[in-house]
Amino acid sequence: MKKNVNVWFLILFYLVLNLCVKISFTAPQAFEERECRITDEDCSVCYLLNLDGMKGLGHSALLLIDEEGYGSVFSYNGMQYGLVRCLAGEEGIGRMTEYRLDPREVETFLNTGELEADGHEECDDFDRMLYRRISDMQYERIADAAGLYMEVGDQYEQRYAAVVQAEGTRRVEAEAEMENYLQQDLPRYQIYTHNCDTVARELLALVDDEILRYNEQEQKLTPKGNYKNMCAYVSDRWGISRLGEDSLAERILDF
């Protein structure tokens, strides 16, 4: 019995060692990097992937770059409920966070993937990017749609603060205002069906027919699955890029 255990231990050790060697000496990537074929537009939109975001499931966000080189990263997350209730499938108001970058910060981000994200770990280190050039009108269309998500989150936070801070009769009124607000037809975060990744691709589809068709026919469950599938699906109107150097954990997650 002891001999059998030792044999299985050696086999397991051999497999783990080979995996570590492979990870250490290769840089796995699903697709070759390539430039975007479109060159005659002034702005850009970038679909971003953080491989080890959301506990290894991945986190998606969008980067918009205007004609002067200024950037905005838009990241959508749940806000109304905690992780346990989200995992149970409850819908709730989400928060669209915007991180603004000047041209120098955009250049640094495109080289490293690193972002000053105010402690939000899902956004502090992106690893992969799909990108294309867009017109200033397309830029505004995406920015306006992202702004609507931000407005919903801001309105919820204001009403929530009013409930927490109020007392007595005013608290009852604030709770009624919150209830009336939540009865409206508002976009809601749902971890499986309306999350960081689906919203990012929803915004992309406002200006790109390929992504619109992808969302209708080809979408996968996780951000990483969608990134890899989109790399295979979209034409060379889209560029493919790695951001910074992968950590050991990111190399493992990229398999």
Protein backbone atom coordinates (compact mmCIF):
# COMPACT_ATOMS: atom_id res chain seq x y z
CA MET A 1 0.00 0.00 0.00
CA LYS A 2 2.79 2.37 0.97
CA LYS A 3 4.61 1.59 -2.28
CA ASN A 4 1.49 2.48 -4.32
CA VAL A 5 1.16 5.79 -2.48
CA ASN A 6 4.78 6.63 -3.24
CA VAL A 7 4.30 5.80 -6.92
CA TRP A 8 1.25 8.08 -7.19
CA PHE A 9 3.11 10.81 -5.32
CA LEU A 10 6.01 10.60 -7.79
CA ILE A 11 3.62 10.72 -10.75
CA LEU A 12 1.84 13.77 -9.31
CA PHE A 13 5.17 15.44 -8.56
CA TYR A 14 6.33 14.78 -12.12
CA LEU A 15 3.17 16.32 -13.61
CA VAL A 16 3.36 19.39 -11.38
CA LEU A 17 7.05 19.85 -12.17
CA ASN A 18 6.39 19.67 -15.91
CA LEU A 19 3.56 22.18 -15.59
CA CYS A 20 5.81 24.60 -13.70
CA VAL A 21 8.57 24.24 -16.30
CA LYS A 22 6.12 24.87 -19.11
CA ILE A 23 4.72 27.94 -17.38
CA SER A 24 8.19 29.27 -16.57
CA PHE A 25 9.58 29.04 -20.10
CA THR A 26 6.58 29.82 -22.22
CA ALA A 27 4.27 32.80 -22.46
CA PRO A 28 0.95 31.24 -23.41
CA GLN A 29 -1.32 33.39 -25.47
CA ALA A 30 -4.45 32.40 -27.27
CA PHE A 31 -3.73 34.47 -30.39
CA GLU A 32 -0.90 36.38 -31.98
CA GLU A 33 -0.84 40.08 -31.32
CA ARG A 34 -1.82 42.21 -34.29
CA GLU A 35 -2.44 45.83 -35.17
CA CYS A 36 -5.89 47.26 -35.84
CA ARG A 37 -6.49 47.61 -39.60
CA ILE A 38 -8.55 50.81 -39.18
CA THR A 39 -6.28 53.86 -39.12
CA ASP A 40 -8.46 56.73 -40.33
CA GLU A 41 -10.44 57.42 -37.13
CA ASP A 42 -9.43 59.75 -34.32
CA CYS A 43 -10.59 57.83 -31.23
CA SER A 44 -10.23 54.28 -29.85
CA VAL A 45 -12.23 51.80 -27.80
CA CYS A 46 -10.52 48.94 -25.97
CA TYR A 47 -12.02 45.83 -24.40
CA LEU A 48 -9.88 45.01 -21.35
CA LEU A 49 -9.41 41.73 -19.48
CA ASN A 50 -7.92 41.23 -16.03
CA LEU A 51 -7.14 37.49 -15.95
CA ASP A 52 -7.11 37.15 -12.17
CA GLY A 53 -9.98 39.54 -11.48
CA MET A 54 -13.11 38.28 -9.69
CA LYS A 55 -11.21 35.48 -7.89
CA GLY A 56 -9.75 34.12 -11.14
CA LEU A 57 -12.93 34.22 -13.25
CA GLY A 58 -11.69 37.40 -14.92
CA HIS A 59 -12.90 40.99 -15.00
CA SER A 60 -13.74 43.00 -18.12
CA ALA A 61 -13.80 46.76 -18.60
CA LEU A 62 -13.69 49.33 -21.40
CA LEU A 63 -11.13 52.00 -22.18
CA LEU A 64 -12.16 54.95 -24.33
CA ILE A 65 -9.42 57.19 -25.77
CA ASP A 66 -10.39 60.51 -27.34
CA GLU A 67 -8.75 62.38 -30.21
CA GLU A 68 -6.39 64.19 -27.82
CA GLY A 69 -5.21 61.00 -26.13
CA TYR A 70 -7.19 61.33 -22.90
CA GLY A 71 -8.70 58.09 -21.60
CA SER A 72 -11.57 56.81 -19.47
CA VAL A 73 -11.74 53.27 -18.10
CA PHE A 74 -15.32 52.15 -17.37
CA SER A 75 -15.81 49.22 -14.99
CA TYR A 76 -19.19 47.80 -13.93
CA ASN A 77 -19.74 45.93 -10.65
CA GLY A 78 -22.51 44.97 -8.27
CA MET A 79 -23.26 47.47 -5.50
CA GLN A 80 -26.67 46.90 -3.89
CA TYR A 81 -25.94 43.40 -2.58
CA GLY A 82 -22.88 41.63 -1.24
CA LEU A 83 -21.11 38.69 -2.88
CA VAL A 84 -23.19 35.94 -1.24
CA ARG A 85 -26.49 37.36 -2.44
CA CYS A 86 -25.01 38.06 -5.87
CA LEU A 87 -23.83 34.45 -6.14
CA ALA A 88 -27.37 33.39 -5.21
CA GLY A 89 -28.48 35.18 -8.38
CA GLU A 90 -30.15 38.27 -6.94
CA GLU A 91 -30.41 41.33 -9.15
CA GLY A 92 -29.42 44.69 -7.75
CA ILE A 93 -28.26 48.16 -8.72
CA GLY A 94 -24.70 48.20 -10.02
CA ARG A 95 -21.97 50.80 -10.01
CA MET A 96 -20.23 51.98 -13.17
CA THR A 97 -16.90 53.44 -12.10
CA GLU A 98 -14.91 55.76 -14.35
CA TYR A 99 -11.14 56.16 -14.04
CA ARG A 100 -9.87 59.17 -15.98
CA LEU A 101 -6.40 59.20 -17.50
CA ASP A 102 -4.33 61.93 -19.11
CA PRO A 103 -2.34 61.11 -22.28
CA ARG A 104 0.80 60.18 -20.35
CA GLU A 105 -1.20 57.87 -18.07
CA VAL A 106 -2.89 56.29 -21.10
CA GLU A 107 0.52 55.55 -22.62
CA THR A 108 1.74 54.01 -19.36
CA PHE A 109 -1.40 51.91 -19.06
CA LEU A 110 -1.05 50.56 -22.61
CA ASN A 111 2.52 49.50 -21.80
CA THR A 112 1.90 47.98 -18.37
CA GLY A 113 -1.84 47.35 -17.89
CA GLU A 114 -1.53 48.93 -14.46
CA LEU A 115 -4.17 51.37 -13.23
CA GLU A 116 -4.53 53.49 -10.10
CA ALA A 117 -7.90 52.03 -9.13
CA ASP A 118 -8.48 53.36 -5.59
CA GLY A 119 -8.13 49.91 -4.04
CA HIS A 120 -10.42 48.12 -6.52
CA GLU A 121 -8.25 45.08 -7.19
CA GLU A 122 -10.27 43.92 -10.20
CA CYS A 123 -9.06 47.02 -12.08
CA ASP A 124 -5.50 47.53 -10.88
CA ASP A 125 -3.75 45.26 -13.41
CA PHE A 126 -5.22 44.38 -16.81
CA ASP A 127 -3.53 41.75 -18.96
CA ARG A 128 -5.21 41.53 -22.40
CA MET A 129 -6.83 43.96 -24.80
CA LEU A 130 -8.93 43.96 -27.96
CA TYR A 131 -9.09 47.39 -29.56
CA ARG A 132 -10.22 49.29 -32.62
CA ARG A 133 -10.33 52.87 -33.90
CA ILE A 134 -13.68 54.67 -33.80
CA SER A 135 -15.05 58.06 -34.80
CA ASP A 136 -15.75 60.86 -32.36
CA MET A 137 -19.50 60.22 -32.80
CA GLN A 138 -19.03 56.55 -31.90
CA TYR A 139 -16.93 57.63 -28.94
CA GLU A 140 -19.75 59.84 -27.70
CA ARG A 141 -22.32 57.07 -28.16
CA ILE A 142 -20.39 54.73 -25.87
CA ALA A 143 -19.57 57.47 -23.35
CA ASP A 144 -23.22 58.54 -23.14
CA ALA A 145 -24.40 54.95 -22.56
CA ALA A 146 -21.77 54.42 -19.86
CA GLY A 147 -22.88 57.71 -18.33
CA LEU A 148 -26.43 56.39 -17.94
CA TYR A 149 -25.11 53.46 -15.89
CA MET A 150 -23.12 55.90 -13.77
CA GLU A 151 -26.19 58.07 -13.21
CA VAL A 152 -28.26 55.10 -11.97
CA GLY A 153 -25.53 54.13 -9.51
CA ASP A 154 -25.14 57.73 -8.29
CA GLN A 155 -28.89 58.10 -7.79
CA TYR A 156 -29.01 54.88 -5.77
CA GLU A 157 -26.08 55.96 -3.58
CA GLN A 158 -27.72 59.33 -2.87
CA ARG A 159 -30.98 57.69 -1.85
CA TYR A 160 -29.20 55.07 0.23
CA ALA A 161 -27.26 57.81 2.08
CA ALA A 162 -30.52 59.68 2.69
CA VAL A 163 -32.07 56.55 4.26
CA VAL A 164 -29.05 55.88 6.49
CA GLN A 165 -28.73 59.46 7.69
CA ALA A 166 -32.43 60.22 8.23
CA GLU A 167 -34.35 59.70 11.45
CA GLY A 168 -37.99 59.46 12.41
CA THR A 169 -40.53 60.67 9.88
CA ARG A 170 -37.83 61.73 7.43
CA ARG A 171 -36.42 58.19 7.41
CA VAL A 172 -39.82 56.76 6.49
CA GLU A 173 -40.03 59.27 3.64
CA ALA A 174 -36.52 58.45 2.47
CA GLU A 175 -37.31 54.72 2.49
CA ALA A 176 -40.44 55.38 0.44
CA GLU A 177 -38.41 57.40 -2.07
CA MET A 178 -35.92 54.56 -2.33
CA GLU A 179 -38.70 52.01 -2.85
CA ASN A 180 -40.27 54.14 -5.59
CA TYR A 181 -36.88 54.50 -7.26
CA LEU A 182 -36.27 50.75 -7.25
CA GLN A 183 -39.65 50.16 -8.86
CA GLN A 184 -38.44 51.92 -12.01
CA ASP A 185 -37.13 50.06 -15.05
CA LEU A 186 -33.44 50.41 -14.18
CA PRO A 187 -30.42 48.44 -15.42
CA ARG A 188 -29.49 45.93 -12.72
CA TYR A 189 -26.38 43.92 -12.02
CA GLN A 190 -26.82 40.14 -12.15
CA ILE A 191 -23.61 38.19 -11.72
CA TYR A 192 -24.49 35.55 -14.32
CA THR A 193 -26.44 37.47 -16.97
CA HIS A 194 -25.72 41.22 -16.65
CA ASN A 195 -22.22 41.73 -15.28
CA CYS A 196 -18.94 43.51 -15.99
CA ASP A 197 -18.41 41.53 -19.19
CA THR A 198 -21.91 41.64 -20.66
CA VAL A 199 -22.12 45.39 -20.09
CA ALA A 200 -18.69 45.98 -21.67
CA ARG A 201 -19.75 44.03 -24.76
CA GLU A 202 -23.16 45.73 -24.78
CA LEU A 203 -21.39 49.10 -25.02
CA LEU A 204 -19.08 47.82 -27.76
CA ALA A 205 -22.07 46.57 -29.75
CA LEU A 206 -23.38 50.14 -29.95
CA VAL A 207 -20.67 50.89 -32.52
CA ASP A 208 -19.60 47.52 -33.92
CA ASP A 209 -21.75 45.05 -35.86
CA GLU A 210 -19.32 42.17 -35.32
CA ILE A 211 -19.67 42.46 -31.56
CA LEU A 212 -23.43 42.79 -31.90
CA ARG A 213 -23.57 39.48 -33.79
CA TYR A 214 -21.14 37.92 -31.32
CA ASN A 215 -23.35 38.87 -28.38
CA GLU A 216 -26.36 37.32 -30.07
CA GLN A 217 -24.74 34.06 -31.17
CA GLU A 218 -21.34 33.28 -29.66
CA GLN A 219 -20.99 34.67 -26.14
CA LYS A 220 -19.44 32.55 -23.38
CA LEU A 221 -20.01 32.52 -19.63
CA THR A 222 -16.81 34.15 -18.32
CA PRO A 223 -14.78 37.22 -19.30
CA LYS A 224 -11.73 35.09 -20.14
CA GLY A 225 -13.84 32.77 -22.29
CA ASN A 226 -15.30 35.71 -24.17
CA TYR A 227 -11.94 37.38 -24.71
CA LYS A 228 -10.46 34.24 -26.29
CA ASN A 229 -13.58 33.56 -28.32
CA MET A 230 -13.78 37.15 -29.54
CA CYS A 231 -10.13 37.03 -30.65
CA ALA A 232 -11.09 34.17 -32.96
CA TYR A 233 -14.37 35.73 -34.05
CA VAL A 234 -13.62 39.35 -34.92
CA SER A 235 -11.91 40.55 -38.08
CA ASP A 236 -8.68 42.53 -38.33
CA ARG A 237 -10.66 45.70 -37.75
CA TRP A 238 -9.76 44.75 -34.19
CA GLY A 239 -6.23 44.70 -32.84
CA ILE A 240 -5.07 42.18 -30.22
CA SER A 241 -2.56 43.11 -27.54
CA ARG A 242 -0.99 41.93 -24.30
CA LEU A 243 -0.61 44.45 -21.48
CA GLY A 244 2.52 44.20 -19.35
CA GLU A 245 4.17 41.01 -18.13
CA ASP A 246 2.14 38.07 -16.80
CA SER A 247 2.65 36.83 -13.26
CA LEU A 248 2.87 33.10 -12.58
CA ALA A 249 -0.77 33.07 -11.49
CA GLU A 250 -1.82 34.89 -14.67
CA ARG A 251 0.08 32.39 -16.82
CA ILE A 252 -1.74 29.54 -15.13
CA LEU A 253 -5.11 31.27 -15.58
CA ASP A 254 -4.38 31.88 -19.26
CA PHE A 255 -4.25 28.16 -20.09
